[in-house]
N, C-alpha and C. Protein backbone atom coordinates (compact mmCIF):
# COMPACT_ATOMS: atom_id res chain seq x y z
N MET A 1 54.57 3.08 123.53
CA MET A 1 54.92 1.54 123.40
C MET A 1 55.59 1.30 122.12
N THR A 2 57.01 -0.38 122.16
CA THR A 2 57.31 -0.93 121.23
C THR A 2 57.00 -2.18 120.42
N ALA A 3 57.60 -2.73 120.04
CA ALA A 3 56.80 -3.12 118.22
C ALA A 3 57.34 -4.22 119.32
N LYS A 4 58.27 -4.77 120.23
CA LYS A 4 58.78 -6.25 119.98
C LYS A 4 57.15 -5.91 121.72
N GLU A 5 57.05 -4.75 122.43
CA GLU A 5 55.70 -5.00 123.50
C GLU A 5 54.47 -5.20 123.34
N ILE A 6 54.19 -4.79 121.52
CA ILE A 6 52.49 -5.12 120.64
C ILE A 6 52.97 -6.05 120.45
N ARG A 7 53.88 -6.63 119.63
CA ARG A 7 53.68 -8.16 118.67
C ARG A 7 53.38 -9.08 119.65
N GLU A 8 53.51 -9.21 121.25
CA GLU A 8 52.80 -9.99 122.38
C GLU A 8 51.35 -10.50 122.44
N LEU A 9 50.83 -9.28 122.73
CA LEU A 9 49.60 -8.75 122.40
C LEU A 9 48.63 -10.13 121.75
N SER A 10 47.56 -9.97 122.68
CA SER A 10 46.80 -10.65 121.04
C SER A 10 46.15 -10.06 120.25
N PRO A 11 46.02 -10.43 118.87
CA PRO A 11 44.65 -8.96 118.48
C PRO A 11 43.55 -8.84 119.42
N GLU A 12 42.53 -9.42 120.16
CA GLU A 12 42.24 -8.08 120.84
C GLU A 12 42.82 -6.93 121.62
N GLU A 13 44.22 -7.55 122.66
CA GLU A 13 44.28 -6.02 123.18
C GLU A 13 44.53 -5.58 122.54
N ILE A 14 45.91 -6.38 121.14
CA ILE A 14 46.07 -4.27 120.31
C ILE A 14 44.69 -3.98 119.07
N GLY A 15 44.03 -5.03 119.11
CA GLY A 15 42.97 -3.75 118.99
C GLY A 15 42.16 -2.96 120.59
N THR A 16 42.07 -2.91 121.65
CA THR A 16 41.30 -1.88 122.07
C THR A 16 42.87 -0.84 122.90
N LYS A 17 44.60 -1.66 122.78
CA LYS A 17 45.03 -0.99 122.48
C LYS A 17 44.67 0.23 122.43
N LEU A 18 45.07 -0.22 120.68
CA LEU A 18 44.84 1.10 119.68
C LEU A 18 43.55 1.94 119.57
N ARG A 19 43.06 1.60 120.00
CA ARG A 19 41.49 2.09 120.40
C ARG A 19 41.77 3.54 121.05
N GLU A 20 41.65 3.21 122.28
CA GLU A 20 42.50 3.72 123.87
C GLU A 20 44.03 4.71 123.23
N THR A 21 44.69 4.30 122.11
CA THR A 21 45.38 5.89 121.67
C THR A 21 45.38 5.63 121.12
N ARG A 22 44.55 5.81 120.52
CA ARG A 22 43.79 7.28 118.97
C ARG A 22 43.11 7.56 119.88
N SER A 23 42.04 7.72 120.70
CA SER A 23 41.59 8.43 121.49
C SER A 23 42.42 9.08 122.33
N GLN A 24 43.60 8.55 122.91
CA GLN A 24 44.49 9.92 123.71
C GLN A 24 44.62 10.80 122.25
N LEU A 25 45.20 10.07 121.84
CA LEU A 25 45.93 11.15 120.19
C LEU A 25 44.19 12.12 119.66
N LEU A 26 43.08 12.20 119.56
CA LEU A 26 41.93 12.88 119.31
C LEU A 26 41.92 13.89 120.46
N GLN A 27 42.70 13.63 121.67
CA GLN A 27 42.36 14.47 123.04
C GLN A 27 43.47 15.22 123.24
N LEU A 28 44.78 14.60 122.83
CA LEU A 28 46.17 15.66 122.79
C LEU A 28 45.76 17.33 121.37
N ARG A 29 45.82 16.67 120.13
CA ARG A 29 44.71 17.41 119.22
C ARG A 29 44.05 18.48 119.47
N LEU A 30 43.03 17.39 120.13
CA LEU A 30 41.69 18.75 120.85
C LEU A 30 42.26 19.74 121.67
N ARG A 31 43.24 19.41 122.59
CA ARG A 31 44.07 20.45 123.48
C ARG A 31 45.12 20.81 122.85
N LYS A 32 45.61 20.55 121.84
CA LYS A 32 46.75 21.75 120.79
C LYS A 32 46.31 22.29 120.55
N GLN A 33 45.50 23.32 119.82
CA GLN A 33 44.21 23.37 119.46
C GLN A 33 43.76 24.69 119.99
N THR A 34 43.41 24.62 121.48
CA THR A 34 43.56 25.21 121.81
C THR A 34 44.70 26.02 122.99
N GLY A 35 45.54 24.82 122.60
CA GLY A 35 46.90 25.52 123.13
C GLY A 35 47.45 25.69 124.32
N GLN A 36 46.90 23.71 125.19
CA GLN A 36 46.98 23.65 126.62
C GLN A 36 48.05 22.67 126.14
N VAL A 37 48.24 22.26 124.61
CA VAL A 37 50.20 21.04 124.76
C VAL A 37 51.52 21.61 124.79
N GLU A 38 51.90 20.76 125.78
CA GLU A 38 52.99 21.16 126.14
C GLU A 38 54.19 21.14 125.32
N LYS A 39 53.58 19.82 125.89
CA LYS A 39 54.28 18.41 125.15
C LYS A 39 53.71 17.83 123.38
N THR A 40 54.05 18.81 122.71
CA THR A 40 54.28 18.67 121.77
C THR A 40 54.63 17.08 120.63
N HIS A 41 55.88 17.15 121.18
CA HIS A 41 55.76 15.59 121.08
C HIS A 41 55.62 14.49 121.06
N GLU A 42 54.70 14.53 122.05
CA GLU A 42 54.13 13.66 122.13
C GLU A 42 52.52 12.89 121.22
N LEU A 43 52.25 14.55 120.45
CA LEU A 43 51.51 14.14 118.64
C LEU A 43 52.19 13.15 117.94
N ARG A 44 53.59 13.50 118.15
CA ARG A 44 54.37 12.18 116.80
C ARG A 44 54.23 10.52 117.47
N THR A 45 54.64 10.67 118.40
CA THR A 45 54.68 9.56 118.99
C THR A 45 53.77 8.63 119.08
N LEU A 46 52.64 9.75 119.44
CA LEU A 46 51.22 8.52 119.70
C LEU A 46 50.75 7.98 118.54
N ARG A 47 51.58 9.34 117.98
CA ARG A 47 51.03 8.46 115.78
C ARG A 47 51.93 7.95 114.58
N LYS A 48 53.42 7.58 115.22
CA LYS A 48 54.38 6.27 114.83
C LYS A 48 53.26 5.27 116.17
N THR A 49 52.64 4.55 117.45
CA THR A 49 52.75 4.01 118.03
C THR A 49 51.03 3.23 117.33
N VAL A 50 50.57 3.73 117.12
CA VAL A 50 49.42 3.61 115.74
C VAL A 50 49.77 3.00 114.50
N ALA A 51 50.30 3.73 114.18
CA ALA A 51 51.27 2.65 112.88
C ALA A 51 51.97 1.75 113.73
N ARG A 52 52.52 1.87 114.54
CA ARG A 52 52.86 0.25 114.89
C ARG A 52 51.97 -1.00 115.04
N MET A 53 50.96 -0.16 115.75
CA MET A 53 49.68 -1.66 116.84
C MET A 53 49.53 -1.95 115.35
N GLU A 54 49.07 -1.26 113.94
CA GLU A 54 47.92 -1.14 112.90
C GLU A 54 48.89 -1.79 111.85
N THR A 55 49.82 -2.10 111.67
CA THR A 55 50.78 -3.16 111.77
C THR A 55 50.66 -4.28 111.77
N ILE A 56 51.14 -4.52 112.86
CA ILE A 56 51.69 -5.37 113.79
C ILE A 56 50.37 -6.53 113.86
N SER A 57 49.33 -5.59 113.83
CA SER A 57 47.99 -6.72 113.60
C SER A 57 47.15 -6.53 112.01
N ARG A 58 47.61 -6.07 110.48
CA ARG A 58 47.90 -7.55 110.16
C ARG A 58 48.99 -7.90 109.55
N GLN A 59 49.79 -7.86 110.43
CA GLN A 59 51.43 -8.59 109.82
C GLN A 59 50.39 -10.12 110.60
N LYS A 60 50.13 -10.31 111.44
CA LYS A 60 49.88 -11.35 113.09
C LYS A 60 48.68 -12.02 112.42
N PRO A 61 48.69 -13.38 111.79
CA PRO A 61 47.37 -14.07 112.01
C PRO A 61 46.22 -13.99 112.31
N LYS A 62 44.83 -14.20 112.24
CA LYS A 62 43.92 -13.43 112.81
C LYS A 62 43.51 -15.37 113.12
N ALA A 63 43.27 -15.39 114.19
CA ALA A 63 42.48 -16.72 114.85
C ALA A 63 41.11 -17.73 114.26
N PRO A 64 40.97 -18.66 113.36
CA PRO A 64 40.42 -19.87 113.00
C PRO A 64 38.98 -18.69 113.86
N ALA A 65 38.23 -18.46 113.02
CA ALA A 65 36.57 -18.62 112.99
C ALA A 65 35.76 -20.16 114.04
N ALA A 66 34.85 -19.64 114.62
CA ALA A 66 34.70 -20.75 114.69
C ALA A 66 33.78 -21.61 114.48
N ALA A 67 33.38 -22.80 113.81
CA ALA A 67 32.93 -23.37 113.14
C ALA A 67 31.43 -23.78 113.51
């Protein structure tokens, strides 16, 4: 997922995608430990995607809380 695509998402959607991506990363790490991963470059790609999402979520202004 590119930074441009992430910026188009709402903060809630970014949070959801972030949880999903972290879950994928965890599963991939576990499979790597058991030697079941052929495409090891996916680990790096997912780590970078998580970092992009965290960075953009911190840059986006939060929605004002309902009073």
